[in-house]
Protein backbone atom coordinates (compact mmCIF):
# COMPACT_ATOMS: atom_id res chain seq x y z
CA MET A 1 42.40 -93.77 139.03
CA ASP A 2 43.44 -96.19 136.29
CA LYS A 3 44.31 -99.74 137.26
CA ASN A 4 47.55 -101.33 136.13
CA TYR A 5 47.41 -105.11 136.07
CA VAL A 6 50.21 -107.26 137.45
CA SER A 7 51.60 -110.36 135.79
CA VAL A 8 51.93 -113.28 138.21
CA SER A 9 52.81 -116.75 137.04
CA TYR A 10 53.25 -119.98 138.95
CA ALA A 11 56.37 -122.10 138.86
CA GLN A 12 55.98 -125.69 137.70
CA ASN A 13 56.81 -127.08 141.16
CA ASN A 14 53.37 -127.36 142.76
CA ASN A 15 54.69 -129.44 145.66
CA ASN A 16 56.28 -126.50 147.39
CA ASP A 17 56.17 -127.15 151.13
CA ASN A 18 58.27 -124.08 151.94
CA SER A 19 56.41 -120.87 151.37
CA THR A 20 58.37 -117.73 150.67
CA GLU A 21 57.56 -114.06 150.69
CA LYS A 22 58.26 -112.02 147.56
CA ILE A 23 58.37 -108.24 147.71
CA VAL A 24 57.13 -106.10 144.84
CA THR A 25 57.35 -102.31 144.87
CA ILE A 26 55.14 -99.82 143.10
CA PRO A 27 57.61 -97.05 142.22
CA LYS A 28 57.03 -93.37 142.79
CA GLY A 29 55.46 -91.80 139.71
CA SER A 30 53.80 -94.96 138.39
CA ALA A 31 50.35 -93.34 138.58
CA ASN A 32 51.32 -89.73 137.95
CA PRO A 33 49.49 -88.47 134.85
CA GLU A 34 52.15 -85.83 134.33
CA VAL A 35 54.82 -88.46 133.79
CA ASP A 36 55.45 -89.45 130.16
CA ILE A 37 54.19 -93.02 130.41
CA THR A 38 55.15 -93.73 126.80
CA LYS A 39 58.66 -94.32 128.18
CA PHE A 40 57.50 -96.76 130.86
CA THR A 41 58.45 -100.38 130.71
CA ALA A 42 56.86 -103.15 132.73
CA LYS A 43 59.48 -102.65 135.45
CA LYS A 44 58.29 -99.06 135.97
CA TRP A 45 54.78 -100.14 136.99
CA TYR A 46 55.92 -102.88 139.37
CA ASN A 47 59.39 -103.94 140.38
CA PRO A 48 59.98 -106.78 139.68
CA SER A 49 57.48 -107.54 136.93
CA PRO A 50 56.60 -110.13 135.95
CA ILE A 51 57.04 -112.30 139.03
CA THR A 52 56.98 -116.09 139.33
CA ILE A 53 55.76 -117.71 142.52
CA ASN A 54 55.03 -121.14 143.93
CA ILE A 55 51.80 -122.23 145.57
CA ASN A 56 51.71 -120.99 149.19
CA ASP A 57 54.03 -118.06 148.45
CA THR A 58 53.04 -114.61 149.61
CA ILE A 59 53.55 -111.46 147.57
CA LYS A 60 53.91 -108.27 149.57
CA TRP A 61 53.32 -105.05 147.60
CA THR A 62 54.81 -101.80 148.87
CA ASN A 63 53.26 -98.60 147.53
CA ASN A 64 56.16 -96.17 147.07
CA ASP A 65 54.03 -93.92 144.87
CA THR A 66 52.32 -90.71 145.97
CA GLU A 67 48.92 -92.05 144.85
CA PRO A 68 46.78 -94.94 146.17
CA HIS A 69 46.83 -98.18 144.17
CA THR A 70 45.18 -101.54 143.82
CA VAL A 71 46.78 -104.71 142.48
CA THR A 72 44.25 -106.64 140.43
CA SER A 73 44.61 -109.84 138.44
CA GLY A 74 43.51 -109.67 134.83
CA THR A 75 44.47 -108.15 131.51
CA GLY A 76 45.71 -104.56 131.48
CA GLY A 77 44.74 -101.86 129.05
CA GLY A 78 48.33 -101.56 127.88
CA LEU A 79 50.71 -98.64 127.67
CA ASN A 80 48.61 -96.96 124.98
CA SER A 81 45.45 -97.07 127.08
CA PHE A 82 45.76 -93.35 127.80
CA LEU A 83 45.29 -92.69 124.07
CA SER A 84 42.53 -95.20 123.41
CA ASN A 85 40.80 -94.94 126.80
CA SER A 86 41.12 -98.74 126.89
CA LYS A 87 40.46 -100.20 130.32
CA GLY A 88 41.82 -103.42 131.75
CA LYS A 89 39.63 -106.43 132.45
CA PRO A 90 39.88 -108.07 135.87
CA ASP A 91 39.58 -111.85 135.94
CA GLY A 92 38.43 -112.15 139.56
CA LEU A 93 41.39 -114.16 140.88
CA PHE A 94 42.58 -111.49 143.30
CA ASP A 95 42.31 -107.79 144.10
CA THR A 96 44.14 -106.13 146.97
CA GLY A 97 41.68 -103.30 147.27
CA LEU A 98 42.89 -99.73 147.50
CA PHE A 99 45.99 -99.10 149.59
CA SER A 100 47.53 -95.74 150.38
CA PRO A 101 50.96 -94.32 149.60
CA GLY A 102 53.54 -95.79 151.95
CA SER A 103 51.27 -98.75 152.73
CA ILE A 104 51.97 -102.44 152.32
CA THR A 105 49.47 -105.13 151.37
CA SER A 106 49.96 -108.83 150.80
CA ILE A 107 48.25 -111.90 149.35
CA LYS A 108 49.09 -115.54 149.97
CA PHE A 109 48.54 -117.64 146.85
CA ASN A 110 47.14 -121.00 147.94
CA GLN A 111 46.28 -122.39 144.52
CA SER A 112 47.39 -122.10 140.90
């Protein structure tokens, strides 16, 4: 299983007293090696991507794919990683752990 890294950025308003929940889907086929991933755009791996959040917001990821996934902060290997065998590099900020097809996982972001 190859990891695809998500882009999360924080809004400038760090005084957000009202937390919100943002929903991100992992589309069917995003991990299928038989799919021509040279045609993928960022929105094919996660929808929406990138996503901007405020401190105290929660992102809920829904796995609509047929394969298990993780969502890990860091730098991805890029779309050509299948040619170069380049792997992403996690930065340790968050990792959802593996979650199954049809499952939902969430993380509340308490700091920037």
